[in-house]
Amino acid sequence: MKNAAVLTLLLLSLVACKKAADTASTDTKTDSAKTDTTTPATPATPAVSAPGAIPSGYTLVAPVSSKPVYKFAAEPARTLKDGTDYYALIDTSKGQILADLYEDKTPVTVNNFITLARNHFYDGILFHRVLDGFMAQTGDPNTLKGEQATWGQGGPGYAFADEIRQSLKFDAPGMLAMANSGPNTNGSQFFMTFAPADFLDGKYNLFGKVVKGQDVLAKLTRTATADPSTGQEVPIAGITNDKILSVRILSKNK
């Protein structure tokens, strides 16, 4: 999926979907009549079953809850501490990813992500959309229920406003951003890019960057290919979706 035109078409479906009764946003369902039965190109990698150690030079920000909390009544109150350099340690079934969070540039989005992570919201959630050459999308609690038709529609029970900064660009691999279903519909779903994607600039809350574990992104099982003529996603049959084991919030030691 290297072709820029195909990527641009797929941009239309880079959203956290909502049911038709809730929104009139672009339909993101794939064509179930088309199924790619080829073997995914991603090399087989043994699954990781437990989170790894916290890297040297970082300190764990204590969790808020002891068990996962998947529904919230409202957008979280601000808990970020001034002067703290926050990172997200994302352990997946393919390995560990460390991302620098942009708490100074997009504090509302980072505060939201940190609150969810500290409540174990992301534990066990699947990567439901992984498109080669483009991005890996996750953060939907519906993937915990096995009802695949609803994947991409879930969230934390609230939505929060866009926090788009024109100075932040998708100019490198490993950019971390919120998925959405239109203006001011950010929730829990997020994605990490595999390559520069300037056509995403100004459209999504970009709130961090992978600083370690880009090789792990390359190992994630791809879930669909793209029809080069239409850009429509074609599911890959017989794959097992990778999952998030945990997301821990760290502060960088001074």
C-alpha atoms as a PDB file:
ATOM      1  CA  MET A   1       0.000   0.000   0.000  1.00  0.00           C
ATOM      2  CA  LYS A   2       2.779   2.395  -0.930  1.00  0.00           C
ATOM      3  CA  ASN A   3       0.798   4.325  -3.524  1.00  0.00           C
ATOM      4  CA  ALA A   4      -0.083   7.830  -2.291  1.00  0.00           C
ATOM      5  CA  ALA A   5      -3.472   7.841  -4.024  1.00  0.00           C
ATOM      6  CA  VAL A   6      -4.477   4.625  -2.289  1.00  0.00           C
ATOM      7  CA  LEU A   7      -3.368   6.021   1.058  1.00  0.00           C
ATOM      8  CA  THR A   8      -5.413   9.146   0.471  1.00  0.00           C
ATOM      9  CA  LEU A   9      -8.522   7.084  -0.213  1.00  0.00           C
ATOM     10  CA  LEU A  10      -7.940   5.031   2.906  1.00  0.00           C
ATOM     11  CA  LEU A  11      -7.689   8.259   4.877  1.00  0.00           C
ATOM     12  CA  LEU A  12     -11.451   8.525   4.512  1.00  0.00           C
ATOM     13  CA  SER A  13     -11.795   5.479   6.744  1.00  0.00           C
ATOM     14  CA  LEU A  14      -9.147   6.358   9.329  1.00  0.00           C
ATOM     15  CA  VAL A  15     -11.824   6.934  11.916  1.00  0.00           C
ATOM     16  CA  ALA A  16     -13.245   5.631  15.125  1.00  0.00           C
ATOM     17  CA  CYS A  17     -16.586   4.637  13.599  1.00  0.00           C
ATOM     18  CA  LYS A  18     -19.981   5.198  15.142  1.00  0.00           C
ATOM     19  CA  LYS A  19     -23.231   3.441  14.356  1.00  0.00           C
ATOM     20  CA  ALA A  20     -25.341   5.060  11.658  1.00  0.00           C
ATOM     21  CA  ALA A  21     -27.914   6.094  14.242  1.00  0.00           C
ATOM     22  CA  ASP A  22     -25.289   8.172  16.046  1.00  0.00           C
ATOM     23  CA  THR A  23     -23.489   9.904  13.186  1.00  0.00           C
ATOM     24  CA  ALA A  24     -23.573  10.643   9.489  1.00  0.00           C
ATOM     25  CA  SER A  25     -19.808  10.310   9.077  1.00  0.00           C
ATOM     26  CA  THR A  26     -18.121   8.396   6.250  1.00  0.00           C
ATOM     27  CA  ASP A  27     -19.030   4.703   6.188  1.00  0.00           C
ATOM     28  CA  THR A  28     -15.941   2.700   7.093  1.00  0.00           C
ATOM     29  CA  LYS A  29     -17.240  -0.843   6.824  1.00  0.00           C
ATOM     30  CA  THR A  30     -15.211  -3.086   4.557  1.00  0.00           C
ATOM     31  CA  ASP A  31     -16.776  -5.006   1.696  1.00  0.00           C
ATOM     32  CA  SER A  32     -17.436  -8.419   3.217  1.00  0.00           C
ATOM     33  CA  ALA A  33     -17.893  -9.908  -0.232  1.00  0.00           C
ATOM     34  CA  LYS A  34     -14.193  -9.385  -0.873  1.00  0.00           C
ATOM     35  CA  THR A  35     -11.765 -11.384   1.181  1.00  0.00           C
ATOM     36  CA  ASP A  36      -8.075 -11.647   0.500  1.00  0.00           C
ATOM     37  CA  THR A  37      -7.056 -15.217   1.254  1.00  0.00           C
ATOM     38  CA  THR A  38      -3.360 -14.623   0.788  1.00  0.00           C
ATOM     39  CA  THR A  39      -0.958 -15.019   3.681  1.00  0.00           C
ATOM     40  CA  PRO A  40      -0.038 -11.713   5.366  1.00  0.00           C
ATOM     41  CA  ALA A  41       3.423 -10.491   4.400  1.00  0.00           C
ATOM     42  CA  THR A  42       4.388  -9.797   8.024  1.00  0.00           C
ATOM     43  CA  PRO A  43       6.924 -12.399   9.186  1.00  0.00           C
ATOM     44  CA  ALA A  44       5.761 -14.743  11.929  1.00  0.00           C
ATOM     45  CA  THR A  45       6.963 -13.587  15.341  1.00  0.00           C
ATOM     46  CA  PRO A  46       6.468 -15.498  18.596  1.00  0.00           C
ATOM     47  CA  ALA A  47       3.762 -13.880  20.712  1.00  0.00           C
ATOM     48  CA  VAL A  48       4.748 -12.026  23.848  1.00  0.00           C
ATOM     49  CA  SER A  49       2.561 -12.977  26.813  1.00  0.00           C
ATOM     50  CA  ALA A  50       3.577 -10.501  29.536  1.00  0.00           C
ATOM     51  CA  PRO A  51       4.656  -6.858  29.715  1.00  0.00           C
ATOM     52  CA  GLY A  52       8.390  -6.219  29.735  1.00  0.00           C
ATOM     53  CA  ALA A  53      10.495  -4.349  32.241  1.00  0.00           C
ATOM     54  CA  ILE A  54      10.415  -0.571  32.575  1.00  0.00           C
ATOM     55  CA  PRO A  55      13.402   0.872  30.698  1.00  0.00           C
ATOM     56  CA  SER A  56      16.259   2.357  32.671  1.00  0.00           C
ATOM     57  CA  GLY A  57      15.948   6.092  33.206  1.00  0.00           C
ATOM     58  CA  TYR A  58      12.169   6.137  33.619  1.00  0.00           C
ATOM     59  CA  THR A  59       9.783   5.975  36.589  1.00  0.00           C
ATOM     60  CA  LEU A  60       6.299   4.468  36.611  1.00  0.00           C
ATOM     61  CA  VAL A  61       3.413   6.875  37.143  1.00  0.00           C
ATOM     62  CA  ALA A  62       1.192   4.944  39.530  1.00  0.00           C
ATOM     63  CA  PRO A  63      -2.067   3.492  38.151  1.00  0.00           C
ATOM     64  CA  VAL A  64      -5.364   4.920  39.388  1.00  0.00           C
ATOM     65  CA  SER A  65      -7.302   1.650  39.381  1.00  0.00           C
ATOM     66  CA  SER A  66      -6.294  -1.932  40.064  1.00  0.00           C
ATOM     67  CA  LYS A  67      -8.568  -3.360  37.355  1.00  0.00           C
ATOM     68  CA  PRO A  68      -9.575  -2.134  33.887  1.00  0.00           C
ATOM     69  CA  VAL A  69     -12.186   0.601  33.706  1.00  0.00           C
ATOM     70  CA  TYR A  70     -13.837   0.746  30.279  1.00  0.00           C
ATOM     71  CA  LYS A  71     -16.617   3.313  30.711  1.00  0.00           C
ATOM     72  CA  PHE A  72     -16.456   6.874  31.977  1.00  0.00           C
ATOM     73  CA  ALA A  73     -19.192   9.430  32.541  1.00  0.00           C
ATOM     74  CA  ALA A  74     -17.262  12.395  31.180  1.00  0.00           C
ATOM     75  CA  GLU A  75     -13.962  13.621  29.802  1.00  0.00           C
ATOM     76  CA  PRO A  76     -11.308  13.332  32.534  1.00  0.00           C
ATOM     77  CA  ALA A  77     -10.193  16.251  34.657  1.00  0.00           C
ATOM     78  CA  ARG A  78      -6.624  17.411  34.154  1.00  0.00           C
ATOM     79  CA  THR A  79      -4.066  15.491  36.207  1.00  0.00           C
ATOM     80  CA  LEU A  80      -0.866  16.344  34.337  1.00  0.00           C
ATOM     81  CA  LYS A  81       1.883  17.717  36.553  1.00  0.00           C
ATOM     82  CA  ASP A  82       3.758  20.737  35.284  1.00  0.00           C
ATOM     83  CA  GLY A  83       7.369  20.041  34.417  1.00  0.00           C
ATOM     84  CA  THR A  84       6.890  16.276  34.045  1.00  0.00           C
ATOM     85  CA  ASP A  85       8.083  14.639  30.826  1.00  0.00           C
ATOM     86  CA  TYR A  86       5.565  11.860  30.118  1.00  0.00           C
ATOM     87  CA  TYR A  87       6.052   8.702  28.075  1.00  0.00           C
ATOM     88  CA  ALA A  88       3.781   5.768  27.189  1.00  0.00           C
ATOM     89  CA  LEU A  89       5.161   2.241  27.465  1.00  0.00           C
ATOM     90  CA  ILE A  90       2.924   0.181  25.184  1.00  0.00           C
ATOM     91  CA  ASP A  91       3.452  -3.556  25.602  1.00  0.00           C
ATOM     92  CA  THR A  92       1.969  -5.598  22.765  1.00  0.00           C
ATOM     93  CA  SER A  93       1.849  -9.262  21.841  1.00  0.00           C
ATOM     94  CA  LYS A  94       4.713  -8.513  19.449  1.00  0.00           C
ATOM     95  CA  GLY A  95       6.900  -6.548  21.856  1.00  0.00           C
ATOM     96  CA  GLN A  96       7.356  -3.244  23.630  1.00  0.00           C
ATOM     97  CA  ILE A  97       6.929   0.270  22.232  1.00  0.00           C
ATOM     98  CA  LEU A  98       8.019   3.460  23.977  1.00  0.00           C
ATOM     99  CA  ALA A  99       6.427   6.744  22.903  1.00  0.00           C
ATOM    100  CA  ASP A 100       7.262  10.286  23.939  1.00  0.00           C
ATOM    101  CA  LEU A 101       4.023  12.142  24.703  1.00  0.00           C
ATOM    102  CA  TYR A 102       3.597  15.805  23.722  1.00  0.00           C
ATOM    103  CA  GLU A 103       2.202  17.040  27.037  1.00  0.00           C
ATOM    104  CA  ASP A 104       3.329  20.616  26.355  1.00  0.00           C
ATOM    105  CA  LYS A 105       1.863  20.793  22.839  1.00  0.00           C
ATOM    106  CA  THR A 106      -1.359  18.770  23.145  1.00  0.00           C
ATOM    107  CA  PRO A 107      -2.055  18.603  26.902  1.00  0.00           C
ATOM    108  CA  VAL A 108      -5.771  17.779  26.626  1.00  0.00           C
ATOM    109  CA  THR A 109      -5.136  14.761  24.401  1.00  0.00           C
ATOM    110  CA  VAL A 110      -2.186  13.555  26.467  1.00  0.00           C
ATOM    111  CA  ASN A 111      -4.169  13.967  29.690  1.00  0.00           C
ATOM    112  CA  ASN A 112      -6.982  11.878  28.196  1.00  0.00           C
ATOM    113  CA  PHE A 113      -4.611   9.123  27.057  1.00  0.00           C
ATOM    114  CA  ILE A 114      -2.776   9.066  30.379  1.00  0.00           C
ATOM    115  CA  THR A 115      -6.027   8.859  32.357  1.00  0.00           C
ATOM    116  CA  LEU A 116      -7.267   5.916  30.311  1.00  0.00           C
ATOM    117  CA  ALA A 117      -3.929   4.132  30.568  1.00  0.00           C
ATOM    118  CA  ARG A 118      -3.705   4.649  34.334  1.00  0.00           C
ATOM    119  CA  ASN A 119      -7.135   3.022  34.593  1.00  0.00           C
ATOM    120  CA  HIS A 120      -5.918  -0.034  32.599  1.00  0.00           C
ATOM    121  CA  PHE A 121      -8.401   0.858  29.841  1.00  0.00           C
ATOM    122  CA  TYR A 122      -6.157  -0.472  27.078  1.00  0.00           C
ATOM    123  CA  ASP A 123      -5.333  -3.840  28.664  1.00  0.00           C
ATOM    124  CA  GLY A 124      -6.209  -6.660  26.251  1.00  0.00           C
ATOM    125  CA  ILE A 125      -7.579  -4.448  23.468  1.00  0.00           C
ATOM    126  CA  LEU A 126      -6.799  -5.585  19.911  1.00  0.00           C
ATOM    127  CA  PHE A 127      -5.151  -3.834  16.978  1.00  0.00           C
ATOM    128  CA  HIS A 128      -8.262  -3.992  14.813  1.00  0.00           C
ATOM    129  CA  ARG A 129      -6.864  -2.159  11.744  1.00  0.00           C
ATOM    130  CA  VAL A 130      -3.266  -2.649  10.635  1.00  0.00           C
ATOM    131  CA  LEU A 131      -2.547  -1.549   7.075  1.00  0.00           C
ATOM    132  CA  ASP A 132       0.884  -2.149   5.577  1.00  0.00           C
ATOM    133  CA  GLY A 133       2.765   1.032   4.747  1.00  0.00           C
ATOM    134  CA  PHE A 134       0.183   3.153   6.573  1.00  0.00           C
ATOM    135  CA  MET A 135      -0.672   2.645  10.250  1.00  0.00           C
ATOM    136  CA  ALA A 136      -1.839   0.433  13.135  1.00  0.00           C
ATOM    137  CA  GLN A 137      -5.098   1.418  14.857  1.00  0.00           C
ATOM    138  CA  THR A 138      -6.249   0.238  18.282  1.00  0.00           C
ATOM    139  CA  GLY A 139      -7.988   1.435  21.451  1.00  0.00           C
ATOM    140  CA  ASP A 140     -11.527   0.128  20.844  1.00  0.00           C
ATOM    141  CA  PRO A 141     -12.936  -1.771  23.869  1.00  0.00           C
ATOM    142  CA  ASN A 142     -15.431  -3.491  21.541  1.00  0.00           C
ATOM    143  CA  THR A 143     -12.577  -5.745  20.418  1.00  0.00           C
ATOM    144  CA  LEU A 144     -12.690  -7.386  23.849  1.00  0.00           C
ATOM    145  CA  LYS A 145     -16.175  -8.758  23.163  1.00  0.00           C
ATOM    146  CA  GLY A 146     -15.511 -10.758  20.014  1.00  0.00           C
ATOM    147  CA  GLU A 147     -18.281  -8.962  18.063  1.00  0.00           C
ATOM    148  CA  GLN A 148     -16.146  -8.088  15.050  1.00  0.00           C
ATOM    149  CA  ALA A 149     -18.937  -6.206  13.282  1.00  0.00           C
ATOM    150  CA  THR A 150     -18.712  -3.541  16.007  1.00  0.00           C
ATOM    151  CA  TRP A 151     -14.931  -3.138  15.971  1.00  0.00           C
ATOM    152  CA  GLY A 152     -14.057   0.471  15.314  1.00  0.00           C
ATOM    153  CA  GLN A 153     -17.264   1.789  16.917  1.00  0.00           C
ATOM    154  CA  GLY A 154     -16.265   1.736  20.575  1.00  0.00           C
ATOM    155  CA  GLY A 155     -14.969   4.357  22.962  1.00  0.00           C
ATOM    156  CA  PRO A 156     -14.740   5.368  26.630  1.00  0.00           C
ATOM    157  CA  GLY A 157     -18.264   6.796  26.929  1.00  0.00           C
ATOM    158  CA  TYR A 158     -17.459  10.401  25.998  1.00  0.00           C
ATOM    159  CA  ALA A 159     -15.859  12.429  23.222  1.00  0.00           C
ATOM    160  CA  PHE A 160     -13.511  15.386  23.481  1.00  0.00           C
ATOM    161  CA  ALA A 161     -12.554  18.296  21.287  1.00  0.00           C
ATOM    162  CA  ASP A 162      -9.957  18.452  18.553  1.00  0.00           C
ATOM    163  CA  GLU A 163      -6.531  19.700  19.609  1.00  0.00           C
ATOM    164  CA  ILE A 164      -4.838  19.997  16.240  1.00  0.00           C
ATOM    165  CA  ARG A 165      -1.569  21.905  16.062  1.00  0.00           C
ATOM    166  CA  GLN A 166      -0.428  23.012  12.623  1.00  0.00           C
ATOM    167  CA  SER A 167       3.185  22.811  13.807  1.00  0.00           C
ATOM    168  CA  LEU A 168       2.876  19.066  14.392  1.00  0.00           C
ATOM    169  CA  LYS A 169       3.377  17.012  11.243  1.00  0.00           C
ATOM    170  CA  PHE A 170       3.125  13.367  10.233  1.00  0.00           C
ATOM    171  CA  ASP A 171       6.616  13.696   8.771  1.00  0.00           C
ATOM    172  CA  ALA A 172       8.194  10.532  10.170  1.00  0.00           C
ATOM    173  CA  PRO A 173       7.299   6.940  11.040  1.00  0.00           C
ATOM    174  CA  GLY A 174       5.896   6.232  14.475  1.00  0.00           C
ATOM    175  CA  MET A 175       3.653   9.264  14.915  1.00  0.00           C
ATOM    176  CA  LEU A 176       0.976   8.721  17.587  1.00  0.00           C
ATOM    177  CA  ALA A 177      -2.456  10.267  17.009  1.00  0.00           C
ATOM    178  CA  MET A 178      -6.128   9.940  17.883  1.00  0.00           C
ATOM    179  CA  ALA A 179      -8.565   8.349  15.462  1.00  0.00           C
ATOM    180  CA  ASN A 180     -11.922  10.098  15.106  1.00  0.00           C
ATOM    181  CA  SER A 181     -15.260  10.018  13.308  1.00  0.00           C
ATOM    182  CA  GLY A 182     -15.359  13.707  12.459  1.00  0.00           C
ATOM    183  CA  PRO A 183     -14.710  16.993  14.237  1.00  0.00           C
ATOM    184  CA  ASN A 184     -14.499  16.828  18.049  1.00  0.00           C
ATOM    185  CA  THR A 185     -15.168  13.073  18.303  1.00  0.00           C
ATOM    186  CA  ASN A 186     -11.931  11.926  19.931  1.00  0.00           C
ATOM    187  CA  GLY A 187     -12.224   9.186  22.548  1.00  0.00           C
ATOM    188  CA  SER A 188      -9.909   6.240  23.141  1.00  0.00           C
ATOM    189  CA  GLN A 189      -8.922   4.952  19.691  1.00  0.00           C
ATOM    190  CA  PHE A 190      -5.483   5.899  18.437  1.00  0.00           C
ATOM    191  CA  PHE A 191      -3.058   4.938  15.690  1.00  0.00           C
ATOM    192  CA  MET A 192       0.684   4.786  15.054  1.00  0.00           C
ATOM    193  CA  THR A 193       2.040   5.411  11.572  1.00  0.00           C
ATOM    194  CA  PHE A 194       4.464   3.178   9.695  1.00  0.00           C
ATOM    195  CA  ALA A 195       5.770   5.905   7.365  1.00  0.00           C
ATOM    196  CA  PRO A 196       5.553   9.668   6.801  1.00  0.00           C
ATOM    197  CA  ALA A 197       1.969  10.624   5.908  1.00  0.00           C
ATOM    198  CA  ASP A 198       1.667  14.340   5.222  1.00  0.00           C
ATOM    199  CA  PHE A 199      -1.903  13.900   3.930  1.00  0.00           C
ATOM    200  CA  LEU A 200      -2.906  13.401   7.592  1.00  0.00           C
ATOM    201  CA  ASP A 201      -1.572  16.806   8.660  1.00  0.00           C
ATOM    202  CA  GLY A 202      -4.172  19.021  10.281  1.00  0.00           C
ATOM    203  CA  LYS A 203      -6.808  16.286  10.512  1.00  0.00           C
ATOM    204  CA  TYR A 204      -6.005  14.354  13.697  1.00  0.00           C
ATOM    205  CA  ASN A 205      -4.822  15.072  17.242  1.00  0.00           C
ATOM    206  CA  LEU A 206      -1.132  14.205  17.007  1.00  0.00           C
ATOM    207  CA  PHE A 207       0.079  13.723  20.577  1.00  0.00           C
ATOM    208  CA  GLY A 208       3.316  11.712  20.578  1.00  0.00           C
ATOM    209  CA  LYS A 209       6.013   9.842  18.742  1.00  0.00           C
ATOM    210  CA  VAL A 210       7.497   6.356  19.022  1.00  0.00           C
ATOM    211  CA  VAL A 211      11.096   6.631  20.213  1.00  0.00           C
ATOM    212  CA  LYS A 212      11.756   2.923  20.691  1.00  0.00           C
ATOM    213  CA  GLY A 213      10.048  -0.094  19.151  1.00  0.00           C
ATOM    214  CA  GLN A 214       9.564   0.906  15.538  1.00  0.00           C
ATOM    215  CA  ASP A 215      10.657  -2.660  14.743  1.00  0.00           C
ATOM    216  CA  VAL A 216       7.718  -3.890  16.820  1.00  0.00           C
ATOM    217  CA  LEU A 217       5.311  -1.922  14.648  1.00  0.00           C
ATOM    218  CA  ALA A 218       6.795  -3.704  11.643  1.00  0.00           C
ATOM    219  CA  LYS A 219       5.977  -7.069  13.244  1.00  0.00           C
ATOM    220  CA  LEU A 220       2.284  -6.369  13.867  1.00  0.00           C
ATOM    221  CA  THR A 221       0.000  -8.635  11.854  1.00  0.00           C
ATOM    222  CA  ARG A 222      -1.590  -6.781   8.962  1.00  0.00           C
ATOM    223  CA  THR A 223      -5.367  -7.100   8.968  1.00  0.00           C
ATOM    224  CA  ALA A 224      -6.253  -5.895   5.467  1.00  0.00           C
ATOM    225  CA  THR A 225      -4.866  -4.934   2.087  1.00  0.00           C
ATOM    226  CA  ALA A 226      -6.123  -2.219  -0.227  1.00  0.00           C
ATOM    227  CA  ASP A 227      -7.678  -2.456  -3.655  1.00  0.00           C
ATOM    228  CA  PRO A 228      -5.276  -0.278  -5.697  1.00  0.00           C
ATOM    229  CA  SER A 229      -8.054   1.017  -7.944  1.00  0.00           C
ATOM    230  CA  THR A 230     -10.529   2.039  -5.227  1.00  0.00           C
ATOM    231  CA  GLY A 231      -8.529   2.205  -2.009  1.00  0.00           C
ATOM    232  CA  GLN A 232     -11.154   0.010  -0.349  1.00  0.00           C
ATOM    233  CA  GLU A 233      -9.896  -2.227   2.420  1.00  0.00           C
ATOM    234  CA  VAL A 234      -9.948  -5.956   1.719  1.00  0.00           C
ATOM    235  CA  PRO A 235      -9.772  -8.096   4.896  1.00  0.00           C
ATOM    236  CA  ILE A 236      -7.060 -10.729   5.097  1.00  0.00           C
ATOM    237  CA  ALA A 237      -8.561 -14.089   6.020  1.00  0.00           C
ATOM    238  CA  GLY A 238      -7.265 -16.317   8.785  1.00  0.00           C
ATOM    239  CA  ILE A 239      -5.222 -13.773  10.708  1.00  0.00           C
ATOM    240  CA  THR A 240      -4.987 -13.422  14.480  1.00  0.00           C
ATOM    241  CA  ASN A 241      -5.096  -9.813  15.617  1.00  0.00           C
ATOM    242  CA  ASP A 242      -2.304  -8.645  17.860  1.00  0.00           C
ATOM    243  CA  LYS A 243      -3.254  -7.035  21.150  1.00  0.00           C
ATOM    244  CA  ILE A 244      -2.126  -4.549  23.745  1.00  0.00           C
ATOM    245  CA  LEU A 245      -0.977  -6.230  26.938  1.00  0.00           C
ATOM    246  CA  SER A 246      -0.748  -2.980  28.857  1.00  0.00           C
ATOM    247  CA  VAL A 247      -0.098   0.727  28.521  1.00  0.00           C
ATOM    248  CA  ARG A 248       1.959   2.119  31.398  1.00  0.00           C
ATOM    249  CA  ILE A 249       2.669   5.805  31.852  1.00  0.00           C
ATOM    250  CA  LEU A 250       6.229   6.767  32.723  1.00  0.00           C
ATOM    251  CA  SER A 251       8.057   9.935  33.591  1.00  0.00           C
ATOM    252  CA  LYS A 252      11.597  10.498  32.394  1.00  0.00           C
ATOM    253  CA  ASN A 253      14.137  10.852  35.168  1.00  0.00           C
ATOM    254  CA  LYS A 254      15.992  14.138  35.269  1.00  0.00           C
END
